[in-house]
Amino acid sequence: MTASNGKGHGIHSPFVFNFVTHVLNDKKKYACYNAIEAVRSKLKQDNTIIEVEDFGAGSAVIKSNKRLVKAIAKTSLKQAKYAQLLFRMVQYYQPKNILELGTSFGVTTAYLASGNVDAKVFTCEGAQQIASIAQNNFIQLAIKNIELITGDFAKTLPPLFSAMGTVDFAFADGNHRKEPTLQYFQQLLDHANDNTILVFDDIHWSNGMEAAWSTILQHPMVTLSIDLFFIGIVFINSGIKKKQHFIIKY
C-alpha cells in the first residue's frame, strides 16, 4: 500500500503517476463545467416536492418519501470536485461503453457524457420522479449520448448488461450497502475487459461499505486501486502483475 500527498511524489507506478499528473491534478476549467454547475445550482434552489421510491440504503439525512428537490440535491449530488474528476477520467481514458448506477438528478451523468461525446452512457435510476428531472436536465444541457434506464436495479440490470456487452467504465453510486455493492462489482467484472475502470462512491460511508471495498481490493482481477477517500477507483488488468493499492490525498 502506497500513500501519496496527491502531487505524485513517491509514486513509482508510471500508470498512477500519469493518472495523478494528467487527470487528478488537471486544473483546467473545461467548457462543460459552468453549464453543468448552473444546473446543480438551480436544483439546490428548487422547492418542488417529489415522491421518491428508495431501493438502496437511502439517505443518511432525509428519511421521508416525500422530499424537496433542493434537499435531495444538497445531500445526494456528488461534489463538483469529484464529478469533474470523473469527467477528466473519461476524457483521458476515452471509454466507449459507460455505465452509471445511480443517476440522481443527472449532474454526474452529464459530466461522464461530456468527457467523451462518442461514448454511450447508460445510467440507471430507481426513482421515477428523480429520473424525470434528470432527463429534463439532459435535454436542457443538449447532451445526446445518454440512455436513462428507470426502475429497480434487480430487474433493469440483467437485460442492460446483456445489451451493453462490455463495460469500459462504471461509476457505482446506487446502493450504499455491502451485499448489493459486491453484487454490482461481480456483474461489472463479468462484463469487464483488460482496460475497464470501476469507480465506487462513498467507500468509507459505513462499516458495510468499508467491508465491501476491502473485499473488492482482494479480488484477483483487481490489479491496481486508488483510494481517494470519498471514492475508490479500481483498474482491471492494467498490465500490472503485482497488486498495487494507493491512498492519495485529494
Protein backbone atom coordinates (compact mmCIF):
# COMPACT_ATOMS: atom_id res chain seq x y z
CA MET A 1 0.00 0.00 0.00
CA THR A 2 1.38 3.40 -1.01
CA ALA A 3 0.25 6.73 0.38
CA SER A 4 0.76 9.97 -1.50
CA ASN A 5 0.04 13.65 -0.91
CA GLY A 6 -1.61 13.89 -4.33
CA LYS A 7 1.29 15.58 -6.10
CA GLY A 8 2.77 12.35 -7.49
CA HIS A 9 5.82 12.30 -5.21
CA GLY A 10 6.83 8.80 -4.15
CA ILE A 11 4.65 7.07 -6.75
CA HIS A 12 6.71 4.54 -8.69
CA SER A 13 3.88 3.25 -10.85
CA PRO A 14 4.00 5.05 -14.24
CA PHE A 15 0.28 4.38 -14.70
CA VAL A 16 -0.65 6.01 -11.39
CA PHE A 17 1.87 8.83 -11.85
CA ASN A 18 0.21 9.66 -15.19
CA PHE A 19 -3.21 9.49 -13.55
CA VAL A 20 -2.14 11.92 -10.80
CA THR A 21 -0.34 14.27 -13.21
CA HIS A 22 -2.76 14.35 -16.14
CA VAL A 23 -6.13 13.62 -14.53
CA LEU A 24 -6.20 14.21 -10.78
CA ASN A 25 -4.22 17.46 -10.88
CA ASP A 26 -5.62 18.84 -14.14
CA LYS A 27 -6.83 22.30 -13.01
CA LYS A 28 -8.19 23.46 -16.37
CA LYS A 29 -11.73 24.84 -16.34
CA TYR A 30 -13.39 22.87 -19.14
CA ALA A 31 -16.25 24.35 -21.17
CA CYS A 32 -18.91 21.99 -19.78
CA TYR A 33 -18.21 22.87 -16.14
CA ASN A 34 -20.19 26.13 -15.99
CA ALA A 35 -23.28 24.76 -17.75
CA ILE A 36 -23.49 21.65 -15.57
CA GLU A 37 -22.82 23.58 -12.37
CA ALA A 38 -25.61 26.02 -13.31
CA VAL A 39 -27.97 23.01 -13.38
CA ARG A 40 -26.69 21.96 -9.94
CA SER A 41 -27.29 25.47 -8.56
CA LYS A 42 -30.83 25.50 -9.94
CA LEU A 43 -31.59 22.12 -8.36
CA LYS A 44 -30.33 23.33 -4.97
CA GLN A 45 -32.93 26.12 -5.07
CA ASP A 46 -35.83 24.02 -6.37
CA ASN A 47 -38.73 23.88 -3.88
CA THR A 48 -40.67 21.20 -5.78
CA ILE A 49 -41.82 18.26 -3.62
CA ILE A 50 -41.48 14.82 -5.21
CA GLU A 51 -42.22 11.24 -4.18
CA VAL A 52 -39.13 9.06 -4.01
CA GLU A 53 -39.02 5.26 -4.13
CA ASP A 54 -35.90 4.14 -2.29
CA PHE A 55 -34.32 0.87 -3.48
CA GLY A 56 -30.92 1.50 -1.88
CA ALA A 57 -29.55 2.30 1.56
CA GLY A 58 -31.36 5.62 1.41
CA SER A 59 -30.18 8.98 2.60
CA ALA A 60 -28.40 9.31 5.89
CA VAL A 61 -30.09 12.71 6.25
CA ILE A 62 -33.53 12.51 4.63
CA LYS A 63 -35.98 9.84 5.85
CA SER A 64 -39.33 10.87 4.31
CA ASN A 65 -40.51 9.53 0.92
CA LYS A 66 -41.85 13.00 0.04
CA ARG A 67 -38.83 15.21 -0.41
CA LEU A 68 -37.87 18.65 -1.60
CA VAL A 69 -35.77 18.61 -4.76
CA LYS A 70 -33.36 21.10 -3.20
CA ALA A 71 -32.94 18.88 -0.12
CA ILE A 72 -32.07 15.86 -2.28
CA ALA A 73 -29.72 17.98 -4.37
CA LYS A 74 -27.86 19.23 -1.31
CA THR A 75 -27.30 15.75 0.15
CA SER A 76 -27.08 13.33 -2.76
CA LEU A 77 -25.33 15.08 -5.63
CA LYS A 78 -21.63 14.28 -5.96
CA GLN A 79 -19.45 17.29 -5.16
CA ALA A 80 -18.23 19.21 -8.20
CA LYS A 81 -14.66 18.26 -7.30
CA TYR A 82 -15.39 14.56 -7.77
CA ALA A 83 -17.92 14.85 -10.60
CA GLN A 84 -15.37 16.87 -12.57
CA LEU A 85 -12.71 14.28 -11.79
CA LEU A 86 -14.96 11.64 -13.40
CA PHE A 87 -15.28 13.91 -16.45
CA ARG A 88 -11.48 14.14 -16.71
CA MET A 89 -11.09 10.38 -16.31
CA VAL A 90 -13.48 9.76 -19.19
CA GLN A 91 -11.77 12.45 -21.24
CA TYR A 92 -8.30 10.97 -20.62
CA TYR A 93 -9.04 7.25 -20.98
CA GLN A 94 -11.81 7.61 -23.62
CA PRO A 95 -14.03 4.64 -22.64
CA LYS A 96 -16.79 3.86 -25.16
CA ASN A 97 -19.34 2.00 -23.02
CA ILE A 98 -20.01 3.82 -19.74
CA LEU A 99 -22.38 2.66 -17.00
CA GLU A 100 -23.62 4.70 -14.06
CA LEU A 101 -25.53 3.03 -11.25
CA GLY A 102 -27.49 5.81 -9.57
CA THR A 103 -28.40 8.77 -11.80
CA SER A 104 -29.92 11.06 -9.16
CA PHE A 105 -30.63 14.34 -10.97
CA GLY A 106 -28.07 13.61 -13.69
CA VAL A 107 -25.32 16.05 -12.76
CA THR A 108 -22.58 13.41 -12.62
CA THR A 109 -24.12 11.69 -15.65
CA ALA A 110 -23.75 14.92 -17.62
CA TYR A 111 -20.08 15.10 -16.68
CA LEU A 112 -19.50 11.47 -17.73
CA ALA A 113 -21.23 12.03 -21.07
CA SER A 114 -19.35 15.27 -21.73
CA GLY A 115 -15.97 13.56 -21.24
CA ASN A 116 -16.39 11.58 -24.46
CA VAL A 117 -19.24 12.61 -26.77
CA ASP A 118 -18.59 9.49 -28.87
CA ALA A 119 -19.25 7.24 -25.87
CA LYS A 120 -22.63 5.85 -24.88
CA VAL A 121 -23.55 6.47 -21.25
CA PHE A 122 -26.13 4.11 -19.75
CA THR A 123 -27.39 5.43 -16.43
CA CYS A 124 -29.77 3.67 -14.02
CA GLU A 125 -32.11 5.35 -11.54
CA GLY A 126 -34.64 3.61 -9.30
CA ALA A 127 -36.91 6.58 -8.53
CA GLN A 128 -39.21 7.61 -11.39
CA GLN A 129 -39.66 11.29 -10.48
CA ILE A 130 -35.93 11.77 -9.90
CA ALA A 131 -35.25 10.16 -13.28
CA SER A 132 -37.72 12.53 -14.96
CA ILE A 133 -35.88 15.55 -13.58
CA ALA A 134 -32.56 14.07 -14.74
CA GLN A 135 -33.96 13.54 -18.25
CA ASN A 136 -35.07 17.18 -18.39
CA ASN A 137 -31.59 18.25 -17.33
CA PHE A 138 -30.02 16.25 -20.16
CA ILE A 139 -32.36 17.98 -22.62
CA GLN A 140 -31.53 21.40 -21.14
CA LEU A 141 -27.80 20.67 -21.49
CA ALA A 142 -28.31 19.31 -25.05
CA ILE A 143 -26.47 16.09 -24.17
CA LYS A 144 -27.49 13.32 -26.57
CA ASN A 145 -25.25 10.34 -25.69
CA ILE A 146 -27.12 9.27 -22.54
CA GLU A 147 -29.64 6.45 -22.20
CA LEU A 148 -31.57 6.58 -18.92
CA ILE A 149 -33.00 3.33 -17.54
CA THR A 150 -35.58 3.65 -14.75
CA GLY A 151 -36.61 1.05 -12.19
CA ASP A 152 -35.34 -1.42 -9.61
CA PHE A 153 -31.76 -2.39 -10.48
CA ALA A 154 -32.51 -6.06 -9.76
CA LYS A 155 -34.86 -6.02 -12.74
CA THR A 156 -33.18 -3.50 -15.06
CA LEU A 157 -29.52 -4.52 -14.80
CA PRO A 158 -29.53 -8.09 -16.25
CA PRO A 159 -31.04 -7.05 -19.63
CA LEU A 160 -28.91 -3.91 -19.68
CA PHE A 161 -25.67 -5.86 -19.19
CA SER A 162 -26.74 -8.21 -21.99
CA ALA A 163 -27.37 -5.26 -24.30
CA MET A 164 -24.13 -3.45 -23.39
CA GLY A 165 -21.79 -6.41 -23.70
CA THR A 166 -18.56 -4.90 -22.42
CA VAL A 167 -18.33 -2.18 -19.79
CA ASP A 168 -15.32 0.11 -20.24
CA PHE A 169 -16.04 2.47 -17.35
CA ALA A 170 -18.53 2.29 -14.48
CA PHE A 171 -19.50 4.59 -11.63
CA ALA A 172 -21.39 2.77 -8.86
CA ASP A 173 -23.41 5.16 -6.74
CA GLY A 174 -26.74 3.37 -6.49
CA ASN A 175 -26.79 1.38 -3.28
CA HIS A 176 -24.59 2.01 -0.26
CA ARG A 177 -24.84 -1.45 1.27
CA LYS A 178 -22.24 -4.20 1.31
CA GLU A 179 -24.03 -7.06 -0.45
CA PRO A 180 -25.57 -5.08 -3.34
CA THR A 181 -22.24 -3.29 -3.90
CA LEU A 182 -20.44 -6.62 -4.14
CA GLN A 183 -23.15 -7.95 -6.47
CA TYR A 184 -22.67 -4.94 -8.76
CA PHE A 185 -18.92 -5.48 -8.61
CA GLN A 186 -19.27 -9.11 -9.71
CA GLN A 187 -21.68 -8.18 -12.52
CA LEU A 188 -19.26 -5.50 -13.69
CA LEU A 189 -16.35 -7.95 -13.59
CA ASP A 190 -18.36 -10.35 -15.74
CA HIS A 191 -18.52 -7.63 -18.41
CA ALA A 192 -15.06 -6.11 -17.95
CA ASN A 193 -12.20 -6.03 -20.42
CA ASP A 194 -8.45 -5.52 -20.00
CA ASN A 195 -8.85 -1.75 -19.65
CA THR A 196 -12.02 -1.47 -17.58
CA ILE A 197 -12.14 1.19 -14.86
CA LEU A 198 -14.60 0.87 -11.97
CA VAL A 199 -15.33 3.74 -9.60
CA PHE A 200 -17.17 3.14 -6.32
CA ASP A 201 -18.72 6.01 -4.40
CA ASP A 202 -18.61 6.51 -0.63
CA ILE A 203 -16.30 3.56 0.08
CA HIS A 204 -15.86 4.72 3.70
CA TRP A 205 -19.54 5.71 4.22
CA SER A 206 -20.31 2.84 6.61
CA ASN A 207 -18.82 -0.34 8.05
CA GLY A 208 -20.62 -2.26 5.31
CA MET A 209 -19.08 -0.13 2.55
CA GLU A 210 -15.66 -0.42 4.20
CA ALA A 211 -16.05 -4.20 4.14
CA ALA A 212 -17.23 -4.16 0.51
CA TRP A 213 -14.21 -2.06 -0.55
CA SER A 214 -11.85 -4.38 1.31
CA THR A 215 -13.36 -7.42 -0.45
CA ILE A 216 -13.11 -5.70 -3.84
CA LEU A 217 -9.41 -4.97 -3.31
CA GLN A 218 -8.69 -8.63 -2.60
CA HIS A 219 -10.20 -9.87 -5.86
CA PRO A 220 -7.51 -11.34 -8.18
CA MET A 221 -8.76 -9.31 -11.17
CA VAL A 222 -8.13 -6.07 -9.30
CA THR A 223 -4.52 -5.31 -10.10
CA LEU A 224 -4.47 -1.62 -9.22
CA SER A 225 -6.64 0.54 -6.98
CA ILE A 226 -6.69 4.12 -5.80
CA ASP A 227 -8.42 5.26 -2.62
CA LEU A 228 -9.33 8.98 -2.74
CA PHE A 229 -11.36 8.56 0.48
CA PHE A 230 -14.76 9.62 -0.91
CA ILE A 231 -14.37 7.43 -3.98
CA GLY A 232 -12.40 4.28 -4.76
CA ILE A 233 -11.04 3.56 -8.24
CA VAL A 234 -10.31 0.06 -9.50
CA PHE A 235 -8.33 -0.74 -12.64
CA ILE A 236 -8.84 -4.20 -14.10
CA ASN A 237 -5.83 -5.99 -15.68
CA SER A 238 -3.99 -2.73 -16.33
CA GLY A 239 -0.76 -4.52 -17.31
CA ILE A 240 0.38 -4.84 -13.71
CA LYS A 241 1.30 -8.29 -12.41
CA LYS A 242 1.71 -7.39 -8.75
CA LYS A 243 -1.22 -5.89 -6.87
CA GLN A 244 -0.80 -2.20 -6.08
CA HIS A 245 -3.01 -0.15 -3.80
CA PHE A 246 -2.61 3.61 -3.45
CA ILE A 247 -4.15 6.01 -0.97
CA ILE A 248 -3.97 9.53 -2.35
CA LYS A 249 -4.96 12.77 -0.64
CA TYR A 250 -7.37 14.68 -2.85
